[in-house]
Amino acid sequence: MNPWRMAIESTFFVLKWMSLIGIMSAWLFRGGLLLGAFDIVVTKDGELLSPRDACMRGFGYLVSILPLLLGFVWMLVDPEHVTWGDKVSTTYVKKI
C-alpha cells in the first residue's frame, strides 16, 4: 500500500473518532438537554458534569456498546440501575 495513502487514511480515521468523541462529550456534558429532555446528569456529589466527567461517560458508553450492548442491559440487574458508562464516570441521571 502507498505510504501517502496510508497516512491520509489514518489521519481521517483519527479525525473521525476525535469528532465523534467531541460531539458525544458536548451532548453528554449538557445531560441531553439539547434534545429537550428534562433529565440532568450529575456526579456522585450532586455536581454538574465537568468536561472530563463527560469524556469518561462517553468512553463508558463506548465500552457498554462493544460487547453487544451488555453495558446497557446491565442496568436491568444493577441495584442502582446505572449503566457501565455511569459506573465508569460515577454519574447518575436525575429527573427534574
C-alpha atoms as a PDB file:
ATOM      1  CA  MET A   1       0.000   0.000   0.000  1.00  0.00           C
ATOM      2  CA  ASN A   2       1.163   3.507  -0.800  1.00  0.00           C
ATOM      3  CA  PRO A   3       2.584   5.224   2.347  1.00  0.00           C
ATOM      4  CA  TRP A   4       0.873   8.529   1.484  1.00  0.00           C
ATOM      5  CA  ARG A   5      -2.485   6.866   1.144  1.00  0.00           C
ATOM      6  CA  MET A   6      -1.970   5.076   4.462  1.00  0.00           C
ATOM      7  CA  ALA A   7      -1.080   8.384   6.158  1.00  0.00           C
ATOM      8  CA  ILE A   8      -4.154  10.123   4.744  1.00  0.00           C
ATOM      9  CA  GLU A   9      -6.482   7.274   5.712  1.00  0.00           C
ATOM     10  CA  SER A  10      -5.003   7.136   9.216  1.00  0.00           C
ATOM     11  CA  THR A  11      -5.451  10.888   9.621  1.00  0.00           C
ATOM     12  CA  PHE A  12      -9.096  10.730   8.547  1.00  0.00           C
ATOM     13  CA  PHE A  13      -9.692   7.788  10.884  1.00  0.00           C
ATOM     14  CA  VAL A  14      -8.273   9.692  13.865  1.00  0.00           C
ATOM     15  CA  LEU A  15     -10.168  12.882  12.971  1.00  0.00           C
ATOM     16  CA  LYS A  16     -13.417  10.945  12.590  1.00  0.00           C
ATOM     17  CA  TRP A  17     -13.107   9.400  16.066  1.00  0.00           C
ATOM     18  CA  MET A  18     -11.959  12.673  17.640  1.00  0.00           C
ATOM     19  CA  SER A  19     -15.000  14.478  16.232  1.00  0.00           C
ATOM     20  CA  LEU A  20     -17.308  11.691  17.397  1.00  0.00           C
ATOM     21  CA  ILE A  21     -15.876  11.845  20.908  1.00  0.00           C
ATOM     22  CA  GLY A  22     -16.119  15.650  20.878  1.00  0.00           C
ATOM     23  CA  ILE A  23     -19.752  15.623  19.802  1.00  0.00           C
ATOM     24  CA  MET A  24     -20.665  12.944  22.328  1.00  0.00           C
ATOM     25  CA  SER A  25     -18.850  14.813  25.096  1.00  0.00           C
ATOM     26  CA  ALA A  26     -20.658  18.049  24.279  1.00  0.00           C
ATOM     27  CA  TRP A  27     -24.003  16.271  24.240  1.00  0.00           C
ATOM     28  CA  LEU A  28     -23.320  14.330  27.429  1.00  0.00           C
ATOM     29  CA  PHE A  29     -21.967  17.443  29.182  1.00  0.00           C
ATOM     30  CA  ARG A  30     -25.354  19.071  28.726  1.00  0.00           C
ATOM     31  CA  GLY A  31     -27.134  15.984  30.002  1.00  0.00           C
ATOM     32  CA  GLY A  32     -29.340  15.559  26.954  1.00  0.00           C
ATOM     33  CA  LEU A  33     -30.903  19.000  27.341  1.00  0.00           C
ATOM     34  CA  LEU A  34     -30.121  19.735  23.690  1.00  0.00           C
ATOM     35  CA  LEU A  35     -32.833  17.275  22.694  1.00  0.00           C
ATOM     36  CA  GLY A  36     -35.399  18.787  25.033  1.00  0.00           C
ATOM     37  CA  ALA A  37     -35.213  16.058  27.642  1.00  0.00           C
ATOM     38  CA  PHE A  38     -35.633  17.065  31.248  1.00  0.00           C
ATOM     39  CA  ASP A  39     -33.041  14.778  32.744  1.00  0.00           C
ATOM     40  CA  ILE A  40     -29.799  16.105  34.114  1.00  0.00           C
ATOM     41  CA  VAL A  41     -26.602  14.154  34.651  1.00  0.00           C
ATOM     42  CA  VAL A  42     -24.819  14.767  37.922  1.00  0.00           C
ATOM     43  CA  THR A  43     -21.782  13.317  39.630  1.00  0.00           C
ATOM     44  CA  LYS A  44     -21.881  11.320  42.846  1.00  0.00           C
ATOM     45  CA  ASP A  45     -21.527  14.575  44.813  1.00  0.00           C
ATOM     46  CA  GLY A  46     -24.521  16.176  43.083  1.00  0.00           C
ATOM     47  CA  GLU A  47     -22.359  18.479  40.943  1.00  0.00           C
ATOM     48  CA  LEU A  48     -22.914  19.057  37.239  1.00  0.00           C
ATOM     49  CA  LEU A  49     -20.569  17.237  34.883  1.00  0.00           C
ATOM     50  CA  SER A  50     -17.159  18.630  34.114  1.00  0.00           C
ATOM     51  CA  PRO A  51     -15.748  18.143  30.603  1.00  0.00           C
ATOM     52  CA  ARG A  52     -13.527  15.355  31.989  1.00  0.00           C
ATOM     53  CA  ASP A  53     -16.536  13.580  33.517  1.00  0.00           C
ATOM     54  CA  ALA A  54     -18.402  13.882  30.223  1.00  0.00           C
ATOM     55  CA  CYS A  55     -15.479  12.336  28.338  1.00  0.00           C
ATOM     56  CA  MET A  56     -15.294   9.484  30.840  1.00  0.00           C
ATOM     57  CA  ARG A  57     -19.034   8.932  30.450  1.00  0.00           C
ATOM     58  CA  GLY A  58     -18.647   8.871  26.659  1.00  0.00           C
ATOM     59  CA  PHE A  59     -15.818   6.341  26.973  1.00  0.00           C
ATOM     60  CA  GLY A  60     -18.023   4.257  29.255  1.00  0.00           C
ATOM     61  CA  TYR A  61     -20.764   4.293  26.633  1.00  0.00           C
ATOM     62  CA  LEU A  62     -18.283   3.018  24.067  1.00  0.00           C
ATOM     63  CA  VAL A  63     -17.302   0.207  26.442  1.00  0.00           C
ATOM     64  CA  SER A  64     -21.013  -0.529  27.018  1.00  0.00           C
ATOM     65  CA  ILE A  65     -21.737  -0.768  23.292  1.00  0.00           C
ATOM     66  CA  LEU A  66     -18.858  -3.026  22.231  1.00  0.00           C
ATOM     67  CA  PRO A  67     -19.902  -6.285  23.946  1.00  0.00           C
ATOM     68  CA  LEU A  68     -23.341  -6.490  22.273  1.00  0.00           C
ATOM     69  CA  LEU A  69     -24.815  -3.644  24.360  1.00  0.00           C
ATOM     70  CA  LEU A  70     -24.214  -5.612  27.540  1.00  0.00           C
ATOM     71  CA  GLY A  71     -23.370  -2.435  29.456  1.00  0.00           C
ATOM     72  CA  PHE A  72     -26.891  -1.126  28.897  1.00  0.00           C
ATOM     73  CA  VAL A  73     -28.517  -4.466  29.735  1.00  0.00           C
ATOM     74  CA  TRP A  74     -26.529  -4.373  32.990  1.00  0.00           C
ATOM     75  CA  MET A  75     -28.783  -1.519  34.118  1.00  0.00           C
ATOM     76  CA  LEU A  76     -31.635  -4.020  34.476  1.00  0.00           C
ATOM     77  CA  VAL A  77     -29.757  -6.160  37.024  1.00  0.00           C
ATOM     78  CA  ASP A  78     -27.799  -3.469  38.843  1.00  0.00           C
ATOM     79  CA  PRO A  79     -29.383  -2.424  42.172  1.00  0.00           C
ATOM     80  CA  GLU A  80     -28.679   1.265  41.423  1.00  0.00           C
ATOM     81  CA  HIS A  81     -29.908   0.896  37.797  1.00  0.00           C
ATOM     82  CA  VAL A  82     -26.853   2.557  36.259  1.00  0.00           C
ATOM     83  CA  THR A  83     -25.065   1.597  33.051  1.00  0.00           C
ATOM     84  CA  TRP A  84     -21.358   0.864  32.729  1.00  0.00           C
ATOM     85  CA  GLY A  85     -20.861   4.385  31.381  1.00  0.00           C
ATOM     86  CA  ASP A  86     -22.302   5.814  34.562  1.00  0.00           C
ATOM     87  CA  LYS A  87     -20.241   3.450  36.701  1.00  0.00           C
ATOM     88  CA  VAL A  88     -17.004   4.480  34.932  1.00  0.00           C
ATOM     89  CA  SER A  89     -17.707   8.191  35.370  1.00  0.00           C
ATOM     90  CA  THR A  90     -19.605   7.886  38.694  1.00  0.00           C
ATOM     91  CA  THR A  91     -22.578   9.813  37.307  1.00  0.00           C
ATOM     92  CA  TYR A  92     -26.291   9.496  37.784  1.00  0.00           C
ATOM     93  CA  VAL A  93     -29.282  10.671  35.756  1.00  0.00           C
ATOM     94  CA  LYS A  94     -31.581  12.824  37.839  1.00  0.00           C
ATOM     95  CA  LYS A  95     -35.163  13.653  36.850  1.00  0.00           C
ATOM     96  CA  ILE A  96     -36.139  17.319  37.147  1.00  0.00           C
END
